[in-house]
Amino acid sequence: ARGRIPYRLDTGDPALDDLLSLTFDEPELDAVQSGYEIQVFGLVSAALREGRKLEANDPTVREALDRLTAYGPESDGICTIVQPGANRFESLPRETLLNITENLPGEHLGAVRCVNHQWAAHDVHLVRQANDMKARASDVEQWEPDGAQVLEDIQKLPPGYRREPLTALAGQVWSLPEGTRSATFERLLEAVLALDVADRGEPLAALARQIGSLPEGTRPAAFERLLAAVRELDVAGRGEPLAALAGRIELLPYGTRPAAFERLLAAVCELDVADRGEPLASLAGLIGLLYGDRQGAFERLLAAVRELDVAGRGKPLASLAGRIGLLYGDLQGAFERLLEAVRELDVADRGEPLTTLAGLVWTLPEETQQAVFEHLLAEVLALDVAGRGKPLDALAGQIDYLPQGTRQGASESLSAALQSR
């Protein structure tokens, strides 16, 4: 196809159609592709990327995106628009091409499809095989006692096509007979570690979610092996499997939890700063599962949170605030240090952690409660008017817990503040 190559939708909304339409001139194609073929689903992918930048709740946009998705690269009806002239991939002997592409990680296969018609035709068959394996793995308990045969068949696929079937099979360990789960888990982990590093994240996360289905005595070793495997991933790919591991600490034997917590915290602190907030908030929620040095765990988490960009600290600080009552040591000191960290946030981000702290005044020593109440009230009044409601309500709930002689003054101060809402 020469000249102009359009890809258009007809949603009935001209503005949306323009946003989701792609039209390329022949000179642009020559300049960009240098004689390479262009596949229609490549244009569809570009349209999807643009469409997802729009308002996702708009039903018209959702309909358009659904229609685009139906023409994605995994559909059987892949259509190509080929320019004259062979590209560098087409000039390779078939056996060389297959040797290269069948050893690529999954994330690179899509790029090869976009420039090579010969591989795209071969790839359709492999994608279908992988999808069949994924469906079989997702329902493995109906077919096999231990998943061994489906795992063997998955490993016959080229490496780049194994990720999704392995992820599906990993997610079904719980459904296998108890006596076979540990052995199947180990075989799956070995199969995942044989993948390219870029393809390991999803199946490792799926395996992490199965720790609770293993015999209790084997769970700590499984946790440690998975954590070691996650730390071999590129930093950007560690977030999901680390979050899955954090959610399974409570399923470990009680005495092993503190060590697992500390090693997981160390792994989270290796992530890019922008990716640490969510897992730190999850770890903060686990303090109550620890024994012994909860205070130390709290302080180490607080230090890690304060290393984040200010805009990313709100959620983990709110999670930490909710655990102050679970500490064994200096509650007053922990409360004050957390309040100091909250003061460092942008005003718009202080409301949630202040609300949590306000609800914990009753846990502090009686002689400090009135002073803390007044300090918190001053912090709440520094918020924008629209953000004061919840923390003021939380403070109101603490008045009955204050020392008897201080309640009247606190009530009057709060009443004046409530009138400012």
Protein backbone atom coordinates (compact mmCIF):
# COMPACT_ATOMS: atom_id res chain seq x y z
CA ALA A 1 0.00 0.00 0.00
CA ARG A 2 1.43 3.35 -1.05
CA GLY A 3 0.36 6.92 -0.52
CA ARG A 4 -1.66 7.75 2.57
CA ILE A 5 -2.36 4.96 5.04
CA PRO A 6 -5.27 5.85 7.31
CA TYR A 7 -6.58 4.18 10.42
CA ARG A 8 -9.90 5.67 11.50
CA LEU A 9 -12.70 4.99 13.93
CA ASP A 10 -16.29 5.97 13.40
CA THR A 11 -17.70 6.52 16.90
CA GLY A 12 -20.13 9.27 15.93
CA ASP A 13 -18.07 11.83 17.85
CA PRO A 14 -15.93 13.81 15.36
CA ALA A 15 -13.59 15.16 18.04
CA LEU A 16 -12.93 11.70 19.42
CA ASP A 17 -12.52 10.23 15.94
CA ASP A 18 -9.85 12.82 15.18
CA LEU A 19 -7.97 12.01 18.38
CA LEU A 20 -8.05 8.28 17.69
CA SER A 21 -7.27 8.47 13.97
CA LEU A 22 -3.83 7.89 12.54
CA THR A 23 -2.89 8.94 9.01
CA PHE A 24 0.63 8.63 7.63
CA ASP A 25 2.01 10.10 4.45
CA GLU A 26 4.22 8.01 2.20
CA PRO A 27 7.32 10.21 2.78
CA GLU A 28 6.83 9.89 6.53
CA LEU A 29 6.64 6.13 6.20
CA ASP A 30 9.81 6.05 4.14
CA ALA A 31 11.63 8.26 6.64
CA VAL A 32 10.51 6.35 9.70
CA GLN A 33 10.44 2.80 8.44
CA SER A 34 13.13 2.84 5.74
CA GLY A 35 11.30 0.21 3.71
CA TYR A 36 10.20 -1.86 6.68
CA GLU A 37 6.70 -3.26 6.73
CA ILE A 38 4.06 -1.74 8.98
CA GLN A 39 1.42 -3.86 10.65
CA VAL A 40 -2.05 -2.58 11.24
CA PHE A 41 -2.01 -3.68 14.85
CA GLY A 42 1.02 -1.43 15.35
CA LEU A 43 -1.18 1.49 14.38
CA VAL A 44 -3.92 0.18 16.64
CA SER A 45 -1.46 0.08 19.54
CA ALA A 46 -0.54 3.70 18.91
CA ALA A 47 -4.23 4.64 18.81
CA LEU A 48 -4.79 2.81 22.10
CA ARG A 49 -1.96 4.71 23.75
CA GLU A 50 -3.49 8.00 22.64
CA GLY A 51 -7.01 6.96 23.62
CA ARG A 52 -5.97 5.99 27.13
CA LYS A 53 -4.78 9.53 27.72
CA LEU A 54 -8.37 10.68 27.39
CA GLU A 55 -11.08 10.64 30.06
CA ALA A 56 -11.36 6.92 30.88
CA ASN A 57 -14.83 7.27 32.42
CA ASP A 58 -16.31 8.71 29.23
CA PRO A 59 -18.48 5.88 27.83
CA THR A 60 -17.70 6.91 24.27
CA VAL A 61 -13.98 6.65 24.92
CA ARG A 62 -14.45 3.28 26.62
CA GLU A 63 -16.41 1.99 23.62
CA ALA A 64 -13.73 3.19 21.24
CA LEU A 65 -10.96 1.57 23.28
CA ASP A 66 -12.89 -1.69 23.44
CA ARG A 67 -13.22 -1.68 19.67
CA LEU A 68 -9.52 -0.97 19.27
CA THR A 69 -8.60 -3.76 21.66
CA ALA A 70 -10.52 -6.22 19.52
CA TYR A 71 -8.00 -5.56 16.73
CA GLY A 72 -4.97 -6.20 18.97
CA PRO A 73 -1.94 -8.28 18.03
CA GLU A 74 -3.28 -11.48 19.62
CA SER A 75 -6.32 -11.62 17.36
CA ASP A 76 -6.30 -14.21 14.59
CA GLY A 77 -6.95 -11.58 11.92
CA ILE A 78 -3.56 -9.89 11.88
CA CYS A 79 -3.34 -7.73 8.78
CA THR A 80 -0.17 -6.16 7.45
CA ILE A 81 0.58 -3.26 5.16
CA VAL A 82 3.84 -3.99 3.45
CA GLN A 83 6.05 -1.56 1.59
CA PRO A 84 8.22 -2.77 -1.30
CA GLY A 85 11.68 -3.97 -0.47
CA ALA A 86 12.97 -6.53 1.97
CA ASN A 87 14.04 -5.48 5.44
CA ARG A 88 17.04 -6.75 7.31
CA PHE A 89 15.07 -9.43 9.14
CA GLU A 90 13.53 -10.77 5.92
CA SER A 91 17.00 -11.16 4.44
CA LEU A 92 18.07 -13.59 7.16
CA PRO A 93 17.84 -17.36 6.59
CA ARG A 94 14.69 -18.73 8.20
CA GLU A 95 16.58 -20.94 10.65
CA THR A 96 18.66 -17.96 11.81
CA LEU A 97 15.57 -15.81 12.21
CA LEU A 98 13.79 -18.45 14.27
CA ASN A 99 16.86 -19.03 16.43
CA ILE A 100 17.02 -15.31 17.23
CA THR A 101 13.35 -14.66 17.80
CA GLU A 102 12.49 -17.85 19.67
CA ASN A 103 15.02 -16.91 22.34
CA LEU A 104 13.80 -13.36 22.85
CA PRO A 105 11.95 -12.37 26.03
CA GLY A 106 8.24 -11.82 25.64
CA GLU A 107 8.47 -8.03 25.83
CA HIS A 108 10.70 -7.94 22.72
CA LEU A 109 8.59 -10.22 20.55
CA GLY A 110 6.03 -7.49 19.87
CA ALA A 111 8.74 -5.28 18.41
CA VAL A 112 9.82 -8.07 16.06
CA ARG A 113 6.21 -8.55 14.90
CA CYS A 114 6.06 -4.91 13.88
CA VAL A 115 8.95 -5.17 11.43
CA ASN A 116 8.84 -8.70 10.12
CA HIS A 117 5.96 -10.30 8.22
CA GLN A 118 7.57 -13.74 8.14
CA TRP A 119 7.88 -13.82 11.92
CA ALA A 120 4.37 -12.42 12.44
CA ALA A 121 2.90 -15.33 10.47
CA HIS A 122 4.91 -17.85 12.47
CA ASP A 123 4.13 -15.98 15.69
CA VAL A 124 0.35 -16.37 15.34
CA HIS A 125 0.75 -20.13 15.75
CA LEU A 126 2.98 -19.75 18.80
CA VAL A 127 0.67 -17.22 20.44
CA ARG A 128 -2.22 -19.64 19.96
CA GLN A 129 -0.18 -22.46 21.53
CA ALA A 130 0.73 -20.26 24.48
CA ASN A 131 -2.90 -19.26 24.97
CA ASP A 132 -3.94 -22.92 24.91
CA MET A 133 -1.31 -23.71 27.54
CA LYS A 134 -2.50 -20.78 29.65
CA ALA A 135 -6.11 -22.01 29.53
CA ARG A 136 -5.04 -25.55 30.42
CA ALA A 137 -2.88 -24.29 33.30
CA SER A 138 -5.73 -22.16 34.66
CA ASP A 139 -7.88 -25.28 35.02
CA VAL A 140 -5.12 -27.73 35.88
CA GLU A 141 -6.90 -29.41 38.81
CA GLN A 142 -9.47 -30.77 36.35
CA TRP A 143 -6.84 -32.59 34.34
CA GLU A 144 -3.78 -33.53 36.36
CA PRO A 145 -2.96 -34.46 39.97
CA ASP A 146 0.20 -32.36 40.21
CA GLY A 147 0.50 -30.15 37.11
CA ALA A 148 3.64 -31.98 35.96
CA GLN A 149 2.50 -32.66 32.39
CA VAL A 150 1.23 -29.16 31.67
CA LEU A 151 4.48 -27.74 33.07
CA GLU A 152 6.46 -30.04 30.80
CA ASP A 153 4.38 -28.92 27.81
CA ILE A 154 4.80 -25.23 28.70
CA GLN A 155 8.56 -25.68 28.72
CA LYS A 156 8.40 -26.94 25.14
CA LEU A 157 7.34 -23.45 24.06
CA PRO A 158 10.05 -20.94 23.09
CA PRO A 159 11.12 -19.03 26.23
CA GLY A 160 9.40 -15.77 25.29
CA TYR A 161 5.99 -17.48 25.21
CA ARG A 162 6.16 -19.20 28.60
CA ARG A 163 5.53 -16.26 30.93
CA GLU A 164 1.73 -16.17 30.87
CA PRO A 165 1.20 -19.97 30.99
CA LEU A 166 3.66 -20.23 33.88
CA THR A 167 1.92 -17.37 35.68
CA ALA A 168 -1.42 -19.11 35.24
CA LEU A 169 -0.07 -22.43 36.53
CA ALA A 170 1.64 -20.73 39.48
CA GLY A 171 -1.68 -19.24 40.46
CA GLN A 172 -3.22 -22.72 40.73
CA VAL A 173 -0.81 -24.32 43.21
CA TRP A 174 -3.45 -23.95 45.93
CA SER A 175 -5.86 -26.14 43.96
CA LEU A 176 -3.52 -29.15 43.78
CA PRO A 177 -3.53 -31.96 46.35
CA GLU A 178 -1.65 -30.89 49.49
CA GLY A 179 0.96 -33.59 49.12
CA THR A 180 2.04 -32.36 45.68
CA ARG A 181 2.12 -28.60 46.24
CA SER A 182 5.68 -28.19 47.53
CA ALA A 183 7.22 -30.24 44.71
CA THR A 184 5.14 -28.42 42.09
CA PHE A 185 6.09 -25.06 43.61
CA GLU A 186 9.79 -25.95 43.37
CA ARG A 187 9.51 -27.12 39.76
CA LEU A 188 7.64 -23.94 38.85
CA LEU A 189 10.24 -21.75 40.50
CA GLU A 190 13.00 -23.50 38.56
CA ALA A 191 11.04 -22.98 35.33
CA VAL A 192 10.53 -19.28 36.08
CA LEU A 193 14.22 -18.78 36.85
CA ALA A 194 15.04 -20.27 33.43
CA LEU A 195 13.17 -17.38 31.75
CA ASP A 196 14.78 -14.17 30.64
CA VAL A 197 15.00 -11.80 33.63
CA ALA A 198 12.50 -9.45 31.97
CA ASP A 199 9.82 -12.20 31.96
CA ARG A 200 10.12 -13.37 35.57
CA GLY A 201 8.26 -10.67 37.51
CA GLU A 202 4.64 -11.78 36.92
CA PRO A 203 5.15 -15.51 37.61
CA LEU A 204 7.27 -14.73 40.69
CA ALA A 205 4.43 -12.57 42.04
CA ALA A 206 1.97 -15.40 41.33
CA LEU A 207 4.19 -17.87 43.21
CA ALA A 208 4.51 -15.47 46.13
CA ARG A 209 0.73 -15.43 46.47
CA GLN A 210 0.80 -19.23 46.89
CA ILE A 211 3.06 -19.33 49.94
CA GLY A 212 0.09 -19.79 52.23
CA SER A 213 -0.92 -22.97 50.40
CA LEU A 214 2.40 -24.67 51.22
CA PRO A 215 3.04 -26.70 54.41
CA GLU A 216 3.84 -24.21 57.19
CA GLY A 217 7.32 -25.57 57.77
CA THR A 218 8.36 -24.98 54.16
CA ARG A 219 7.06 -21.42 53.90
CA PRO A 220 10.11 -19.54 55.28
CA ALA A 221 12.46 -21.22 52.79
CA ALA A 222 10.03 -20.56 49.93
CA PHE A 223 9.78 -16.90 51.00
CA GLU A 224 13.57 -16.52 51.07
CA ARG A 225 14.06 -18.17 47.67
CA LEU A 226 11.44 -15.95 46.11
CA LEU A 227 12.88 -12.81 47.68
CA ALA A 228 16.33 -13.71 46.35
CA ALA A 229 14.84 -14.25 42.88
CA VAL A 230 13.01 -10.92 42.99
CA ARG A 231 16.21 -9.07 43.87
CA GLU A 232 17.76 -10.42 40.65
CA LEU A 233 15.15 -8.58 38.56
CA ASP A 234 15.70 -5.15 37.10
CA VAL A 235 14.78 -2.64 39.80
CA ALA A 236 11.76 -1.38 37.85
CA GLY A 237 10.25 -4.88 37.75
CA ARG A 238 10.43 -5.71 41.46
CA GLY A 239 7.43 -3.78 42.78
CA GLU A 240 4.62 -6.31 42.15
CA PRO A 241 6.42 -9.41 43.46
CA LEU A 242 7.68 -7.50 46.53
CA ALA A 243 4.12 -6.37 47.28
CA ALA A 244 2.94 -9.98 46.94
CA LEU A 245 5.63 -11.15 49.37
CA ALA A 246 4.71 -8.41 51.85
CA GLY A 247 1.15 -9.69 51.86
CA ARG A 248 2.34 -13.18 52.88
CA ILE A 249 4.49 -12.34 55.91
CA GLU A 250 1.48 -12.96 58.14
CA LEU A 251 1.34 -16.56 56.83
CA LEU A 252 4.90 -17.34 57.97
CA PRO A 253 5.56 -19.05 61.30
CA TYR A 254 5.46 -16.40 64.03
CA GLY A 255 9.12 -16.61 64.97
CA THR A 256 10.34 -16.09 61.38
CA ARG A 257 8.34 -12.93 60.67
CA PRO A 258 10.75 -10.28 62.04
CA ALA A 259 13.68 -11.50 59.92
CA ALA A 260 11.47 -11.74 56.82
CA PHE A 261 10.16 -8.23 57.50
CA GLU A 262 13.65 -6.76 57.77
CA ARG A 263 14.89 -8.44 54.59
CA LEU A 264 11.82 -7.27 52.72
CA LEU A 265 12.30 -3.72 54.01
CA ALA A 266 15.89 -3.81 52.75
CA ALA A 267 14.67 -4.96 49.33
CA VAL A 268 12.05 -2.19 49.17
CA CYS A 269 14.72 0.40 49.95
CA GLU A 270 16.62 -0.78 46.85
CA LEU A 271 13.76 0.30 44.59
CA ASP A 272 13.72 3.63 42.82
CA VAL A 273 12.55 6.24 45.30
CA ALA A 274 9.35 6.88 43.36
CA ASP A 275 8.35 3.20 43.62
CA ARG A 276 8.80 2.73 47.38
CA GLY A 277 5.68 4.43 48.76
CA GLU A 278 3.13 1.63 48.24
CA PRO A 279 5.30 -1.22 49.54
CA LEU A 280 6.39 0.88 52.55
CA ALA A 281 2.72 1.51 53.35
CA SER A 282 2.09 -2.25 53.10
CA LEU A 283 5.01 -3.02 55.43
CA ALA A 284 3.78 -0.45 57.93
CA GLY A 285 0.53 -2.36 58.08
CA LEU A 286 2.43 -5.49 59.19
CA ILE A 287 4.01 -4.10 62.37
CA GLY A 288 1.34 -5.75 64.49
CA LEU A 289 2.41 -9.17 63.17
CA LEU A 290 5.89 -8.81 64.65
CA TYR A 291 7.02 -9.61 68.14
CA GLY A 292 9.84 -8.05 70.09
CA ASP A 293 11.26 -4.95 68.45
CA ARG A 294 8.15 -3.36 66.97
CA GLN A 295 9.50 0.03 68.03
CA GLY A 296 12.68 -0.51 66.03
CA ALA A 297 10.72 -1.63 62.97
CA PHE A 298 8.56 1.49 63.29
CA GLU A 299 11.60 3.78 63.45
CA ARG A 300 13.29 2.13 60.48
CA LEU A 301 10.12 2.45 58.42
CA LEU A 302 9.71 6.08 59.40
CA ALA A 303 13.31 6.79 58.35
CA ALA A 304 12.67 5.06 55.00
CA VAL A 305 9.48 7.05 54.43
CA ARG A 306 11.29 10.33 55.06
CA GLU A 307 13.69 9.46 52.24
CA LEU A 308 10.80 9.58 49.75
CA ASP A 309 9.90 12.64 47.77
CA VAL A 310 7.57 14.72 49.94
CA ALA A 311 4.61 14.10 47.60
CA GLY A 312 4.90 10.33 48.12
CA ARG A 313 4.99 10.22 51.92
CA GLY A 314 1.32 10.74 52.82
CA LYS A 315 0.00 7.18 52.46
CA PRO A 316 2.86 5.38 54.26
CA LEU A 317 2.78 7.99 57.06
CA ALA A 318 -0.95 7.40 57.49
CA SER A 319 -0.32 3.65 57.63
CA LEU A 320 2.41 4.12 60.24
CA ALA A 321 0.17 6.39 62.30
CA GLY A 322 -2.42 3.65 62.52
CA ARG A 323 0.12 1.32 64.18
CA ILE A 324 1.38 3.55 66.97
CA GLY A 325 -0.96 1.89 69.45
CA LEU A 326 0.72 -1.47 68.73
CA LEU A 327 4.17 -0.34 69.88
CA TYR A 328 5.63 -1.56 73.15
CA GLY A 329 7.97 1.31 73.84
CA ASP A 330 7.89 5.10 73.80
CA LEU A 331 4.48 5.88 72.30
CA GLN A 332 4.78 9.57 73.05
CA GLY A 333 8.13 9.85 71.26
CA ALA A 334 6.90 7.85 68.25
CA PHE A 335 3.79 10.03 68.06
CA GLU A 336 5.82 13.25 68.13
CA ARG A 337 8.30 12.05 65.51
CA LEU A 338 5.47 11.03 63.23
CA LEU A 339 3.72 14.37 63.72
CA GLU A 340 6.98 16.11 62.83
CA ALA A 341 7.14 14.07 59.60
CA VAL A 342 3.52 14.98 58.79
CA ARG A 343 4.37 18.67 59.16
CA GLU A 344 6.91 18.24 56.34
CA LEU A 345 4.19 17.26 53.88
CA ASP A 346 2.50 19.66 51.54
CA VAL A 347 -0.56 21.10 53.29
CA ALA A 348 -2.92 19.29 50.89
CA ASP A 349 -1.41 15.89 51.86
CA ARG A 350 -1.59 16.23 55.65
CA GLY A 351 -5.29 15.50 56.18
CA GLU A 352 -5.24 11.68 56.15
CA PRO A 353 -2.28 11.18 58.53
CA LEU A 354 -3.56 13.95 60.83
CA THR A 355 -6.96 12.23 60.96
CA THR A 356 -5.29 8.97 61.99
CA LEU A 357 -3.13 10.67 64.62
CA ALA A 358 -6.12 12.56 66.00
CA GLY A 359 -7.87 9.26 66.64
CA LEU A 360 -4.94 8.01 68.73
CA VAL A 361 -4.73 10.72 71.38
CA TRP A 362 -6.33 8.34 73.90
CA THR A 363 -3.37 5.92 73.59
CA LEU A 364 -0.87 8.48 74.92
CA PRO A 365 0.06 9.03 78.56
CA GLU A 366 -2.75 10.91 80.33
CA GLU A 367 -0.51 13.80 81.35
CA THR A 368 0.33 14.63 77.70
CA GLN A 369 -3.07 14.15 76.09
CA GLN A 370 -4.32 17.74 76.49
CA ALA A 371 -1.14 19.27 75.04
CA VAL A 372 -1.16 16.84 72.11
CA PHE A 373 -4.84 17.60 71.49
CA GLU A 374 -4.11 21.33 71.28
CA HIS A 375 -1.10 20.79 68.99
CA LEU A 376 -3.14 18.62 66.64
CA LEU A 377 -5.97 21.15 66.61
CA ALA A 378 -3.50 23.85 65.56
CA GLU A 379 -2.18 21.59 62.78
CA VAL A 380 -5.70 20.89 61.53
CA LEU A 381 -6.55 24.60 61.46
CA ALA A 382 -3.51 25.13 59.20
CA LEU A 383 -5.19 22.96 56.55
CA ASP A 384 -7.36 24.37 53.82
CA VAL A 385 -10.92 24.74 55.10
CA ALA A 386 -12.17 21.95 52.82
CA GLY A 387 -9.70 19.48 54.32
CA ARG A 388 -10.45 20.06 58.02
CA GLY A 389 -13.64 18.03 58.40
CA LYS A 390 -12.36 14.49 59.03
CA PRO A 391 -9.49 15.40 61.36
CA LEU A 392 -11.78 17.71 63.38
CA ASP A 393 -14.33 14.91 63.68
CA ALA A 394 -11.58 12.55 64.85
CA LEU A 395 -10.50 15.06 67.50
CA ALA A 396 -14.10 15.43 68.64
CA GLY A 397 -14.17 11.71 69.33
CA GLN A 398 -11.21 12.05 71.72
CA ILE A 399 -12.68 14.59 74.13
CA ASP A 400 -14.30 11.99 76.37
CA TYR A 401 -10.90 10.30 76.81
CA LEU A 402 -9.10 13.46 77.98
CA PRO A 403 -8.45 14.05 81.68
CA GLN A 404 -11.66 15.24 83.35
CA GLY A 405 -10.45 18.74 84.11
CA THR A 406 -9.35 19.45 80.53
CA ARG A 407 -12.43 18.38 78.62
CA GLN A 408 -14.34 21.66 78.86
CA GLY A 409 -11.48 23.72 77.44
CA ALA A 410 -10.87 21.21 74.68
CA SER A 411 -14.56 21.19 73.79
CA GLU A 412 -14.66 24.99 73.56
CA SER A 413 -11.54 25.09 71.37
CA LEU A 414 -12.99 22.46 69.10
CA SER A 415 -16.36 24.19 68.87
CA ALA A 416 -14.67 27.37 67.68
CA ALA A 417 -12.72 25.35 65.13
CA LEU A 418 -15.82 23.57 63.86
CA GLN A 419 -17.47 26.91 63.18
CA SER A 420 -14.58 27.72 60.85
CA ARG A 421 -15.31 24.73 58.55
